[in-house]
Amino acid sequence: MLNGEKLKLTLEQLQGYLRENHRDAESLLTAARLTGDEELVREAARRFPQDAHVHLELAMKASGIAEKQQAIAVLSANDPE
């Protein structure tokens, strides 16, 4: 943050980072946070369906209620307790 402003990058600026990290879950979530692009979170959910961090991000950031509920269901199903 600079002077209270969020850092915002474009997907084009992050393509090298995504490529170098093989579009793993962490790099996709990082890119989604820096660009605000929900589609990157969805890609992470498709590629890493059991990753709790991915589904937590989807539950918090998805714009649709059904998508949020589905992410919460995945989190609940994977809860060891």
Protein backbone atom coordinates (compact mmCIF):
# COMPACT_ATOMS: atom_id res chain seq x y z
CA MET A 1 0.00 0.00 0.00
CA LEU A 2 1.20 3.43 -0.87
CA ASN A 3 -0.44 6.31 0.98
CA GLY A 4 -3.35 4.03 1.88
CA GLU A 5 -3.85 2.88 -1.72
CA LYS A 6 -3.91 -0.83 -2.57
CA LEU A 7 -1.35 -2.14 -5.00
CA LYS A 8 -3.16 -3.18 -8.17
CA LEU A 9 -1.44 -5.03 -11.00
CA THR A 10 -2.69 -6.33 -14.31
CA LEU A 11 -2.81 -9.98 -15.28
CA GLU A 12 -0.30 -9.22 -18.02
CA GLN A 13 2.15 -7.95 -15.40
CA LEU A 14 1.81 -11.22 -13.48
CA GLN A 15 2.01 -13.72 -16.36
CA GLY A 16 5.73 -14.34 -15.80
CA TYR A 17 5.16 -14.93 -12.09
CA LEU A 18 2.33 -17.38 -12.84
CA ARG A 19 4.44 -19.20 -15.43
CA GLU A 20 7.47 -19.45 -13.14
CA ASN A 21 5.28 -20.92 -10.40
CA HIS A 22 3.47 -23.30 -12.77
CA ARG A 23 0.15 -21.63 -11.96
CA ASP A 24 0.09 -23.39 -8.60
CA ALA A 25 -2.62 -22.63 -6.06
CA GLU A 26 -0.56 -20.06 -4.19
CA SER A 27 0.45 -18.12 -7.30
CA LEU A 28 -3.11 -18.10 -8.65
CA LEU A 29 -4.48 -16.78 -5.34
CA THR A 30 -1.75 -14.15 -5.13
CA ALA A 31 -2.45 -13.00 -8.68
CA ALA A 32 -6.19 -12.91 -7.95
CA ARG A 33 -5.60 -10.70 -4.92
CA LEU A 34 -3.32 -8.32 -6.81
CA THR A 35 -5.57 -8.02 -9.86
CA GLY A 36 -9.02 -8.46 -8.34
CA ASP A 37 -9.71 -11.10 -11.01
CA GLU A 38 -12.14 -13.69 -9.60
CA GLU A 39 -11.53 -15.98 -12.56
CA LEU A 40 -8.06 -16.76 -11.19
CA VAL A 41 -9.65 -18.04 -7.96
CA ARG A 42 -12.04 -20.15 -10.02
CA GLU A 43 -9.12 -21.57 -12.01
CA ALA A 44 -7.40 -22.46 -8.73
CA ALA A 45 -10.58 -24.19 -7.51
CA ARG A 46 -10.81 -26.23 -10.72
CA ARG A 47 -7.13 -27.20 -10.65
CA PHE A 48 -6.84 -27.78 -6.90
CA PRO A 49 -10.27 -28.99 -5.77
CA GLN A 50 -9.09 -30.20 -2.35
CA ASP A 51 -7.07 -27.10 -1.39
CA ALA A 52 -8.73 -25.47 1.62
CA HIS A 53 -6.99 -22.12 1.04
CA VAL A 54 -8.45 -21.95 -2.46
CA HIS A 55 -11.98 -22.66 -1.28
CA LEU A 56 -11.69 -20.24 1.62
CA GLU A 57 -10.68 -17.51 -0.85
CA LEU A 58 -13.57 -18.47 -3.12
CA ALA A 59 -16.01 -18.39 -0.20
CA MET A 60 -14.85 -14.87 0.69
CA LYS A 61 -14.42 -13.36 -2.77
CA ALA A 62 -16.93 -14.99 -5.13
CA SER A 63 -19.62 -12.62 -6.32
CA GLY A 64 -22.37 -15.25 -6.49
CA ILE A 65 -24.12 -16.76 -3.49
CA ALA A 66 -24.27 -20.25 -5.04
CA GLU A 67 -20.52 -20.21 -5.66
CA LYS A 68 -19.86 -19.09 -2.07
CA GLN A 69 -22.12 -21.85 -0.72
CA GLN A 70 -20.40 -24.48 -2.85
CA ALA A 71 -16.98 -23.37 -1.60
CA ILE A 72 -18.22 -23.54 2.01
CA ALA A 73 -19.59 -27.02 1.36
CA VAL A 74 -16.17 -28.16 0.08
CA LEU A 75 -14.50 -26.67 3.16
CA SER A 76 -16.99 -28.42 5.44
CA ALA A 77 -16.58 -31.75 3.66
CA ASN A 78 -12.80 -31.57 4.07
CA ASP A 79 -12.93 -30.60 7.75
CA PRO A 80 -11.19 -33.37 9.74
CA GLU A 81 -13.36 -32.75 12.82
